[in-house]
Amino acid sequence: MSWLDILLWGIAPYLMVVVLVGGTIWRYRYDKFGWTTRSSELYESRLLRIGSPLFHFGLLVVIIGHVIGLIIPKSLTDAVGLSQDAYHVQALAIAWCTLM
C-alpha cells in the first residue's frame, strides 16, 4: 500500500471522527446558547422552502443506498449473475431517478 492509501483509508476516517466529536464538545461548551431548535427560520426564503426538503430527501436516499450496498454481500450478486459493473450502474440509475 502506498502512503496515500494509508492516509486516505487508514488515518483520515479516524481523524474525521475525532474532529466531529471534538467539535461537538467544543461547541456545546463554548456556544451552549447558540444551539436552537427554531427551524422555521430556514423556510423564510422561498428557495429554501423548496430546496431544503429536497436536499434532505436526497441525503436520505444516499444514506439508504449506502446501507443497502453494505448489507448486500458479494456472494449474492455473484449468485444472481450480476457483475460489479452492472451493480454500480444499477445504483447510479436509482440515484439518478431521485434527481427527477
C-alpha atoms as a PDB file:
ATOM      1  CA  MET A   1       0.000   0.000   0.000  1.00  0.00           C
ATOM      2  CA  SER A   2       1.150   3.488  -0.756  1.00  0.00           C
ATOM      3  CA  TRP A   3       1.347   6.289   1.774  1.00  0.00           C
ATOM      4  CA  LEU A   4      -1.682   7.919   0.118  1.00  0.00           C
ATOM      5  CA  ASP A   5      -3.790   4.783   0.669  1.00  0.00           C
ATOM      6  CA  ILE A   6      -2.736   4.685   4.308  1.00  0.00           C
ATOM      7  CA  LEU A   7      -3.554   8.374   4.718  1.00  0.00           C
ATOM      8  CA  LEU A   8      -6.945   8.246   2.970  1.00  0.00           C
ATOM      9  CA  TRP A   9      -8.250   4.933   4.277  1.00  0.00           C
ATOM     10  CA  GLY A  10      -6.316   4.377   7.500  1.00  0.00           C
ATOM     11  CA  ILE A  11      -5.867   7.773   9.114  1.00  0.00           C
ATOM     12  CA  ALA A  12      -8.418  10.205   7.634  1.00  0.00           C
ATOM     13  CA  PRO A  13     -11.616   8.402   8.772  1.00  0.00           C
ATOM     14  CA  TYR A  14     -10.450   8.304  12.379  1.00  0.00           C
ATOM     15  CA  LEU A  15      -9.278  11.891  12.185  1.00  0.00           C
ATOM     16  CA  MET A  16     -12.728  12.960  10.955  1.00  0.00           C
ATOM     17  CA  VAL A  17     -14.417  11.169  13.863  1.00  0.00           C
ATOM     18  CA  VAL A  18     -12.087  12.931  16.313  1.00  0.00           C
ATOM     19  CA  VAL A  19     -12.871  16.302  14.688  1.00  0.00           C
ATOM     20  CA  LEU A  20     -16.614  15.565  14.813  1.00  0.00           C
ATOM     21  CA  VAL A  21     -16.618  14.583  18.481  1.00  0.00           C
ATOM     22  CA  GLY A  22     -14.167  17.311  19.495  1.00  0.00           C
ATOM     23  CA  GLY A  23     -16.060  19.981  17.578  1.00  0.00           C
ATOM     24  CA  THR A  24     -19.357  18.913  19.094  1.00  0.00           C
ATOM     25  CA  ILE A  25     -17.930  19.042  22.610  1.00  0.00           C
ATOM     26  CA  TRP A  26     -16.271  22.420  21.949  1.00  0.00           C
ATOM     27  CA  ARG A  27     -19.449  23.885  20.504  1.00  0.00           C
ATOM     28  CA  TYR A  28     -21.512  22.623  23.428  1.00  0.00           C
ATOM     29  CA  ARG A  29     -19.099  24.072  25.976  1.00  0.00           C
ATOM     30  CA  TYR A  30     -18.473  27.469  24.379  1.00  0.00           C
ATOM     31  CA  ASP A  31     -21.637  28.136  22.369  1.00  0.00           C
ATOM     32  CA  LYS A  32     -24.231  26.412  24.514  1.00  0.00           C
ATOM     33  CA  PHE A  33     -26.902  29.045  23.986  1.00  0.00           C
ATOM     34  CA  GLY A  34     -26.273  29.226  20.245  1.00  0.00           C
ATOM     35  CA  TRP A  35     -27.945  25.863  19.761  1.00  0.00           C
ATOM     36  CA  THR A  36     -31.548  26.445  18.847  1.00  0.00           C
ATOM     37  CA  THR A  37     -34.493  24.484  17.556  1.00  0.00           C
ATOM     38  CA  ARG A  38     -36.016  27.362  15.631  1.00  0.00           C
ATOM     39  CA  SER A  39     -36.023  25.657  12.253  1.00  0.00           C
ATOM     40  CA  SER A  40     -38.774  27.894  10.880  1.00  0.00           C
ATOM     41  CA  GLU A  41     -36.085  30.450  10.018  1.00  0.00           C
ATOM     42  CA  LEU A  42     -34.959  28.122   7.254  1.00  0.00           C
ATOM     43  CA  TYR A  43     -38.285  28.371   5.492  1.00  0.00           C
ATOM     44  CA  GLU A  44     -38.427  32.164   5.305  1.00  0.00           C
ATOM     45  CA  SER A  45     -36.779  32.129   1.900  1.00  0.00           C
ATOM     46  CA  ARG A  46     -38.882  30.785  -0.973  1.00  0.00           C
ATOM     47  CA  LEU A  47     -35.942  28.888  -2.448  1.00  0.00           C
ATOM     48  CA  LEU A  48     -35.104  27.257   0.876  1.00  0.00           C
ATOM     49  CA  ARG A  49     -38.721  26.224   1.289  1.00  0.00           C
ATOM     50  CA  ILE A  50     -38.303  24.175  -1.894  1.00  0.00           C
ATOM     51  CA  GLY A  51     -34.648  23.214  -1.625  1.00  0.00           C
ATOM     52  CA  SER A  52     -34.363  22.142   1.990  1.00  0.00           C
ATOM     53  CA  PRO A  53     -36.824  19.219   1.841  1.00  0.00           C
ATOM     54  CA  LEU A  54     -35.324  18.097  -1.484  1.00  0.00           C
ATOM     55  CA  PHE A  55     -31.830  18.225  -0.013  1.00  0.00           C
ATOM     56  CA  HIS A  56     -32.885  16.140   2.974  1.00  0.00           C
ATOM     57  CA  PHE A  57     -34.697  13.654   0.736  1.00  0.00           C
ATOM     58  CA  GLY A  58     -31.518  13.301  -1.319  1.00  0.00           C
ATOM     59  CA  LEU A  59     -29.454  12.719   1.813  1.00  0.00           C
ATOM     60  CA  LEU A  60     -31.915  10.082   2.954  1.00  0.00           C
ATOM     61  CA  VAL A  61     -31.670   8.270  -0.390  1.00  0.00           C
ATOM     62  CA  VAL A  62     -27.862   8.391  -0.280  1.00  0.00           C
ATOM     63  CA  ILE A  63     -27.735   7.015   3.266  1.00  0.00           C
ATOM     64  CA  ILE A  64     -30.244   4.254   2.496  1.00  0.00           C
ATOM     65  CA  GLY A  65     -28.349   3.395  -0.690  1.00  0.00           C
ATOM     66  CA  HIS A  66     -25.083   3.050   1.189  1.00  0.00           C
ATOM     67  CA  VAL A  67     -26.684   0.917   3.902  1.00  0.00           C
ATOM     68  CA  ILE A  68     -28.231  -1.366   1.280  1.00  0.00           C
ATOM     69  CA  GLY A  69     -24.877  -1.545  -0.510  1.00  0.00           C
ATOM     70  CA  LEU A  70     -23.209  -2.626   2.714  1.00  0.00           C
ATOM     71  CA  ILE A  71     -25.884  -5.209   3.530  1.00  0.00           C
ATOM     72  CA  ILE A  72     -25.896  -6.993   0.151  1.00  0.00           C
ATOM     73  CA  PRO A  73     -22.994  -9.469   0.118  1.00  0.00           C
ATOM     74  CA  LYS A  74     -20.882 -10.031  -2.985  1.00  0.00           C
ATOM     75  CA  SER A  75     -21.827 -13.706  -2.921  1.00  0.00           C
ATOM     76  CA  LEU A  76     -25.475 -12.737  -3.536  1.00  0.00           C
ATOM     77  CA  THR A  77     -24.666 -10.603  -6.567  1.00  0.00           C
ATOM     78  CA  ASP A  78     -22.431 -13.389  -7.880  1.00  0.00           C
ATOM     79  CA  ALA A  79     -25.216 -15.946  -7.340  1.00  0.00           C
ATOM     80  CA  VAL A  80     -27.712 -13.954  -9.418  1.00  0.00           C
ATOM     81  CA  GLY A  81     -25.116 -13.281 -12.116  1.00  0.00           C
ATOM     82  CA  LEU A  82     -24.849  -9.530 -11.564  1.00  0.00           C
ATOM     83  CA  SER A  83     -21.392  -8.200 -12.363  1.00  0.00           C
ATOM     84  CA  GLN A  84     -19.804  -5.487 -10.278  1.00  0.00           C
ATOM     85  CA  ASP A  85     -20.095  -3.009 -13.144  1.00  0.00           C
ATOM     86  CA  ALA A  86     -23.796  -3.766 -13.609  1.00  0.00           C
ATOM     87  CA  TYR A  87     -24.322  -3.421  -9.849  1.00  0.00           C
ATOM     88  CA  HIS A  88     -22.781   0.052  -9.876  1.00  0.00           C
ATOM     89  CA  VAL A  89     -24.703   1.102 -12.992  1.00  0.00           C
ATOM     90  CA  GLN A  90     -27.919  -0.003 -11.288  1.00  0.00           C
ATOM     91  CA  ALA A  91     -27.017   2.007  -8.184  1.00  0.00           C
ATOM     92  CA  LEU A  92     -26.299   5.072 -10.315  1.00  0.00           C
ATOM     93  CA  ALA A  93     -29.599   4.625 -12.170  1.00  0.00           C
ATOM     94  CA  ILE A  94     -31.515   4.538  -8.893  1.00  0.00           C
ATOM     95  CA  ALA A  95     -29.633   7.616  -7.695  1.00  0.00           C
ATOM     96  CA  TRP A  96     -30.390   9.386 -10.977  1.00  0.00           C
ATOM     97  CA  CYS A  97     -34.111   8.619 -10.534  1.00  0.00           C
ATOM     98  CA  THR A  98     -34.087  10.537  -7.258  1.00  0.00           C
ATOM     99  CA  LEU A  99     -32.991  13.631  -9.168  1.00  0.00           C
ATOM    100  CA  MET A 100     -36.046  13.505 -11.401  1.00  0.00           C
END
